[in-house]
Amino acid sequence: MKPVTTLVSLLLVIVSLAHLVRLVLDVPITVDGLEVPTWLSVIGFAAPLALAWLLWRENRPLGKGN
């Protein structure tokens, strides 16, 4: 994989893990006086994780069985 692809995949996984931590620890987030619902972190966890997986899968070297 190219270094930039690896870096972006890693960044997406880190963002996903941050949302998972928010879900597990039930950390409140307030933006401009409005509380962001915790359930939004489910999307914030799943979407970047899916993108990281797709990016990794698209850029892995092709070998036997692929």
N, C-alpha and C. Protein backbone atom coordinates (compact mmCIF):
# COMPACT_ATOMS: atom_id res chain seq x y z
N MET A 1 0.84 -1.19 0.00
CA MET A 1 0.00 0.00 0.00
C MET A 1 0.88 1.24 0.00
N LYS A 2 0.38 2.28 -0.59
CA LYS A 2 1.09 3.55 -0.60
C LYS A 2 1.05 4.15 0.80
N PRO A 3 2.07 4.92 1.18
CA PRO A 3 2.11 5.50 2.53
C PRO A 3 0.90 6.41 2.84
N VAL A 4 0.44 7.16 1.87
CA VAL A 4 -0.69 8.06 2.11
C VAL A 4 -1.96 7.26 2.36
N THR A 5 -2.13 6.18 1.62
CA THR A 5 -3.29 5.32 1.81
C THR A 5 -3.28 4.72 3.20
N THR A 6 -2.13 4.27 3.63
CA THR A 6 -2.00 3.71 4.98
C THR A 6 -2.30 4.77 6.03
N LEU A 7 -1.79 5.97 5.84
CA LEU A 7 -2.01 7.06 6.79
C LEU A 7 -3.49 7.44 6.89
N VAL A 8 -4.16 7.53 5.75
CA VAL A 8 -5.58 7.88 5.75
C VAL A 8 -6.41 6.77 6.38
N SER A 9 -6.08 5.52 6.09
CA SER A 9 -6.78 4.40 6.70
C SER A 9 -6.62 4.43 8.22
N LEU A 10 -5.42 4.68 8.69
CA LEU A 10 -5.15 4.77 10.12
C LEU A 10 -5.91 5.92 10.75
N LEU A 11 -5.95 7.06 10.09
CA LEU A 11 -6.69 8.21 10.61
C LEU A 11 -8.18 7.91 10.72
N LEU A 12 -8.74 7.24 9.72
CA LEU A 12 -10.15 6.87 9.78
C LEU A 12 -10.44 5.90 10.92
N VAL A 13 -9.54 4.97 11.17
CA VAL A 13 -9.71 4.03 12.28
C VAL A 13 -9.64 4.78 13.61
N ILE A 14 -8.74 5.74 13.73
CA ILE A 14 -8.63 6.53 14.97
C ILE A 14 -9.91 7.33 15.22
N VAL A 15 -10.47 7.94 14.18
CA VAL A 15 -11.73 8.68 14.32
C VAL A 15 -12.84 7.73 14.76
N SER A 16 -12.88 6.56 14.15
CA SER A 16 -13.88 5.58 14.51
C SER A 16 -13.75 5.15 15.97
N LEU A 17 -12.53 4.90 16.41
CA LEU A 17 -12.30 4.51 17.80
C LEU A 17 -12.67 5.62 18.79
N ALA A 18 -12.45 6.88 18.39
CA ALA A 18 -12.84 7.99 19.25
C ALA A 18 -14.35 8.01 19.46
N HIS A 19 -15.10 7.73 18.42
CA HIS A 19 -16.56 7.66 18.57
C HIS A 19 -16.98 6.47 19.41
N LEU A 20 -16.27 5.37 19.28
CA LEU A 20 -16.58 4.20 20.10
C LEU A 20 -16.33 4.50 21.58
N VAL A 21 -15.25 5.19 21.87
CA VAL A 21 -14.95 5.58 23.26
C VAL A 21 -16.05 6.49 23.79
N ARG A 22 -16.51 7.43 22.95
CA ARG A 22 -17.61 8.30 23.39
C ARG A 22 -18.86 7.49 23.70
N LEU A 23 -19.15 6.48 22.89
CA LEU A 23 -20.32 5.64 23.13
C LEU A 23 -20.18 4.86 24.43
N VAL A 24 -19.03 4.25 24.64
CA VAL A 24 -18.82 3.40 25.81
C VAL A 24 -18.81 4.22 27.09
N LEU A 25 -18.14 5.35 27.07
CA LEU A 25 -18.01 6.18 28.27
C LEU A 25 -19.15 7.19 28.43
N ASP A 26 -20.03 7.28 27.44
CA ASP A 26 -21.16 8.21 27.45
C ASP A 26 -20.71 9.65 27.72
N VAL A 27 -19.74 10.10 26.93
CA VAL A 27 -19.17 11.44 27.07
C VAL A 27 -20.11 12.45 26.42
N PRO A 28 -20.55 13.46 27.18
CA PRO A 28 -21.43 14.48 26.58
C PRO A 28 -20.62 15.46 25.72
N ILE A 29 -21.19 15.86 24.59
CA ILE A 29 -20.56 16.86 23.72
C ILE A 29 -21.59 17.95 23.46
N THR A 30 -21.17 19.19 23.69
CA THR A 30 -22.05 20.34 23.47
C THR A 30 -21.43 21.24 22.41
N VAL A 31 -22.23 21.59 21.40
CA VAL A 31 -21.79 22.48 20.34
C VAL A 31 -22.71 23.68 20.32
N ASP A 32 -22.16 24.84 20.61
CA ASP A 32 -22.92 26.10 20.60
C ASP A 32 -24.17 26.00 21.47
N GLY A 33 -24.02 25.37 22.63
CA GLY A 33 -25.11 25.28 23.58
C GLY A 33 -26.07 24.12 23.36
N LEU A 34 -25.91 23.39 22.28
CA LEU A 34 -26.77 22.24 22.00
C LEU A 34 -26.00 20.95 22.22
N GLU A 35 -26.62 20.02 22.94
CA GLU A 35 -25.96 18.74 23.19
C GLU A 35 -26.13 17.82 21.98
N VAL A 36 -25.02 17.24 21.54
CA VAL A 36 -25.03 16.31 20.42
C VAL A 36 -25.46 14.95 20.95
N PRO A 37 -26.50 14.35 20.36
CA PRO A 37 -26.97 13.05 20.86
C PRO A 37 -25.89 11.98 20.74
N THR A 38 -25.85 11.10 21.72
CA THR A 38 -24.85 10.04 21.73
C THR A 38 -25.04 9.08 20.57
N TRP A 39 -26.28 8.86 20.14
CA TRP A 39 -26.54 7.91 19.05
C TRP A 39 -25.86 8.32 17.74
N LEU A 40 -25.53 9.60 17.59
CA LEU A 40 -24.82 10.02 16.38
C LEU A 40 -23.43 9.40 16.29
N SER A 41 -22.88 9.04 17.45
CA SER A 41 -21.57 8.40 17.46
C SER A 41 -21.62 6.99 16.89
N VAL A 42 -22.80 6.41 16.81
CA VAL A 42 -22.91 5.10 16.14
C VAL A 42 -22.57 5.28 14.66
N ILE A 43 -23.10 6.32 14.06
CA ILE A 43 -22.79 6.64 12.66
C ILE A 43 -21.33 7.05 12.55
N GLY A 44 -20.87 7.86 13.52
CA GLY A 44 -19.48 8.31 13.54
C GLY A 44 -18.50 7.18 13.75
N PHE A 45 -18.95 6.08 14.32
CA PHE A 45 -18.11 4.90 14.48
C PHE A 45 -18.13 4.05 13.21
N ALA A 46 -19.31 3.78 12.70
CA ALA A 46 -19.47 2.85 11.59
C ALA A 46 -18.96 3.41 10.25
N ALA A 47 -19.26 4.65 9.95
CA ALA A 47 -18.91 5.21 8.65
C ALA A 47 -17.39 5.28 8.41
N PRO A 48 -16.61 5.87 9.32
CA PRO A 48 -15.17 5.90 9.07
C PRO A 48 -14.52 4.51 9.08
N LEU A 49 -15.06 3.62 9.91
CA LEU A 49 -14.52 2.26 9.94
C LEU A 49 -14.78 1.56 8.60
N ALA A 50 -15.97 1.73 8.06
CA ALA A 50 -16.30 1.14 6.76
C ALA A 50 -15.43 1.74 5.66
N LEU A 51 -15.22 3.05 5.70
CA LEU A 51 -14.38 3.70 4.69
C LEU A 51 -12.93 3.22 4.79
N ALA A 52 -12.42 3.07 6.00
CA ALA A 52 -11.05 2.58 6.19
C ALA A 52 -10.91 1.17 5.64
N TRP A 53 -11.91 0.32 5.91
CA TRP A 53 -11.87 -1.05 5.43
C TRP A 53 -11.93 -1.11 3.90
N LEU A 54 -12.81 -0.30 3.31
CA LEU A 54 -12.92 -0.27 1.85
C LEU A 54 -11.64 0.26 1.20
N LEU A 55 -11.04 1.28 1.80
CA LEU A 55 -9.80 1.83 1.28
C LEU A 55 -8.67 0.81 1.36
N TRP A 56 -8.59 0.11 2.49
CA TRP A 56 -7.57 -0.92 2.65
C TRP A 56 -7.78 -2.04 1.63
N ARG A 57 -9.02 -2.46 1.50
CA ARG A 57 -9.34 -3.56 0.60
C ARG A 57 -9.07 -3.21 -0.86
N GLU A 58 -9.36 -1.96 -1.23
CA GLU A 58 -9.15 -1.52 -2.60
C GLU A 58 -7.66 -1.45 -2.95
N ASN A 59 -6.83 -1.13 -1.98
CA ASN A 59 -5.42 -0.89 -2.26
C ASN A 59 -4.48 -2.01 -1.85
N ARG A 60 -5.02 -3.13 -1.35
CA ARG A 60 -4.13 -4.23 -1.00
C ARG A 60 -3.62 -4.89 -2.27
N PRO A 61 -2.41 -5.44 -2.19
CA PRO A 61 -1.87 -6.10 -3.38
C PRO A 61 -2.67 -7.35 -3.74
N LEU A 62 -2.84 -7.56 -5.02
CA LEU A 62 -3.58 -8.73 -5.48
C LEU A 62 -2.64 -9.92 -5.46
N GLY A 63 -3.15 -11.01 -4.94
CA GLY A 63 -2.35 -12.23 -4.88
C GLY A 63 -3.21 -13.42 -5.18
N LYS A 64 -2.78 -14.56 -4.73
CA LYS A 64 -3.56 -15.78 -4.94
C LYS A 64 -4.88 -15.70 -4.17
N GLY A 65 -5.94 -16.14 -4.79
CA GLY A 65 -7.24 -16.19 -4.14
C GLY A 65 -8.01 -14.89 -4.18
N ASN A 66 -7.50 -13.86 -4.80
CA ASN A 66 -8.22 -12.58 -4.87
C ASN A 66 -8.83 -12.39 -6.22
